Amino acid sequence: MDKRLLDILCCPVSKRPLRPLTSAERDQLNNAIRAGSLDTVAGEKVAEPIAEGLITTDGQVVYRVEDGIPVMLPEAGIGTVQLQGFPGNPALAQNP
C-alpha cells in the first residue's frame, strides 16, 4: 500500500490512524474466517479470507483491502474483540 495513502486514511468511525495487518494478525483472522466464527461490525459472516488489510492503531477494527483498494465502509469493518488473544489488540492479548 502506498505510504502517502496510508498516512491520510483513518477509521471512518473512531478517526484513529491505520496500519497494515501483520502476517500473524492476518493468519489469525483467516483461521477464524475458515472456522465461520468472524462477523463484520454489521453482523454478517465474513466468508472470504483476507489477503491484505488495515487495522486501527488501537487494534480494534480491521478493514479489508481488495485489489489494492481499502474498503473503508463502517459496516464492513471487522471487530477484533471477537478474537481471544488477537495480537493486534494489546488489551486482549494480555487477558486471554
Protein backbone atom coordinates (compact mmCIF):
# COMPACT_ATOMS: atom_id res chain seq x y z
CA MET A 1 0.00 0.00 0.00
CA ASP A 2 1.23 3.47 -0.87
CA LYS A 3 2.67 5.16 2.25
CA ARG A 4 1.09 8.51 1.28
CA LEU A 5 -2.36 6.93 1.10
CA LEU A 6 -1.85 5.15 4.41
CA ASP A 7 -0.84 8.45 6.02
CA ILE A 8 -4.18 10.08 5.15
CA LEU A 9 -6.50 7.14 5.81
CA CYS A 10 -8.24 6.75 9.14
CA CYS A 11 -11.04 4.69 10.61
CA PRO A 12 -14.34 6.24 9.45
CA VAL A 13 -15.85 5.70 12.92
CA SER A 14 -13.11 6.36 15.50
CA LYS A 15 -10.89 8.50 13.24
CA ARG A 16 -7.87 6.54 14.51
CA PRO A 17 -4.92 6.08 12.14
CA LEU A 18 -4.48 2.75 10.37
CA ARG A 19 -1.55 0.45 9.79
CA PRO A 20 -1.15 -2.68 7.65
CA LEU A 21 -2.04 -6.03 9.20
CA THR A 22 0.92 -8.18 10.16
CA SER A 23 1.09 -11.69 8.74
CA ALA A 24 0.34 -13.13 12.23
CA GLU A 25 -2.76 -10.94 12.54
CA ARG A 26 -3.92 -11.86 9.04
CA ASP A 27 -3.39 -15.56 9.74
CA GLN A 28 -5.43 -15.42 12.96
CA LEU A 29 -8.25 -13.58 11.18
CA ASN A 30 -8.23 -16.08 8.31
CA ASN A 31 -8.32 -19.03 10.74
CA ALA A 32 -11.43 -17.51 12.35
CA ILE A 33 -12.96 -16.88 8.91
CA ARG A 34 -12.38 -20.51 7.89
CA ALA A 35 -13.97 -21.63 11.18
CA GLY A 36 -17.02 -19.47 10.42
CA SER A 37 -16.65 -17.52 13.65
CA LEU A 38 -15.95 -13.99 12.39
CA ASP A 39 -18.58 -11.33 11.71
CA THR A 40 -18.43 -7.81 10.36
CA VAL A 41 -19.50 -4.90 12.54
CA ALA A 42 -22.89 -5.16 10.79
CA GLY A 43 -23.25 -8.78 11.99
CA GLU A 44 -22.66 -10.51 8.64
CA LYS A 45 -20.40 -13.57 8.46
CA VAL A 46 -17.02 -12.90 6.86
CA ALA A 47 -16.87 -15.53 4.13
CA GLU A 48 -13.68 -14.74 2.19
CA PRO A 49 -10.15 -14.87 3.61
CA ILE A 50 -8.26 -11.60 3.86
CA ALA A 51 -5.22 -11.24 1.62
CA GLU A 52 -4.43 -7.71 2.78
CA GLY A 53 -5.94 -5.49 5.44
CA LEU A 54 -5.60 -2.37 7.55
CA ILE A 55 -6.10 -2.23 11.30
CA THR A 56 -6.67 0.73 13.59
CA THR A 57 -3.63 1.62 15.68
CA ASP A 58 -5.53 0.57 18.82
CA GLY A 59 -6.05 -2.89 17.29
CA GLN A 60 -9.86 -2.76 17.49
CA VAL A 61 -11.09 -2.80 13.86
CA VAL A 62 -9.80 -4.36 10.64
CA TYR A 63 -10.69 -3.14 7.15
CA ARG A 64 -10.20 -5.38 4.13
CA VAL A 65 -8.06 -4.20 1.19
CA GLU A 66 -9.33 -5.59 -2.13
CA ASP A 67 -7.19 -5.27 -5.25
CA GLY A 68 -5.16 -2.55 -3.52
CA ILE A 69 -8.27 -0.54 -2.59
CA PRO A 70 -9.15 -0.18 1.11
CA VAL A 71 -12.81 -0.97 1.86
CA MET A 72 -13.45 1.72 4.48
CA LEU A 73 -17.19 1.21 4.95
CA PRO A 74 -18.03 1.29 8.67
CA GLU A 75 -20.35 -1.73 8.37
CA ALA A 76 -17.65 -3.76 6.59
CA GLY A 77 -15.15 -3.41 9.45
CA ILE A 78 -14.23 -6.50 11.45
CA GLY A 79 -14.06 -6.03 15.21
CA THR A 80 -11.14 -7.85 16.83
CA VAL A 81 -12.96 -8.26 20.15
CA GLN A 82 -14.32 -11.48 18.63
CA LEU A 83 -10.84 -12.99 18.77
CA GLN A 84 -9.27 -14.11 22.05
CA GLY A 85 -5.64 -13.01 22.33
CA PHE A 86 -5.62 -11.21 19.00
CA PRO A 87 -2.04 -9.92 18.52
CA GLY A 88 -3.20 -6.56 17.19
CA ASN A 89 -5.21 -5.83 20.31
CA PRO A 90 -2.83 -5.42 23.27
CA ALA A 91 -5.65 -5.37 25.85
CA LEU A 92 -6.98 -8.72 24.67
CA ALA A 93 -3.53 -10.24 24.23
CA GLN A 94 -2.82 -9.60 27.92
CA ASN A 95 -6.10 -11.15 29.10
CA PRO A 96 -6.65 -14.36 27.11
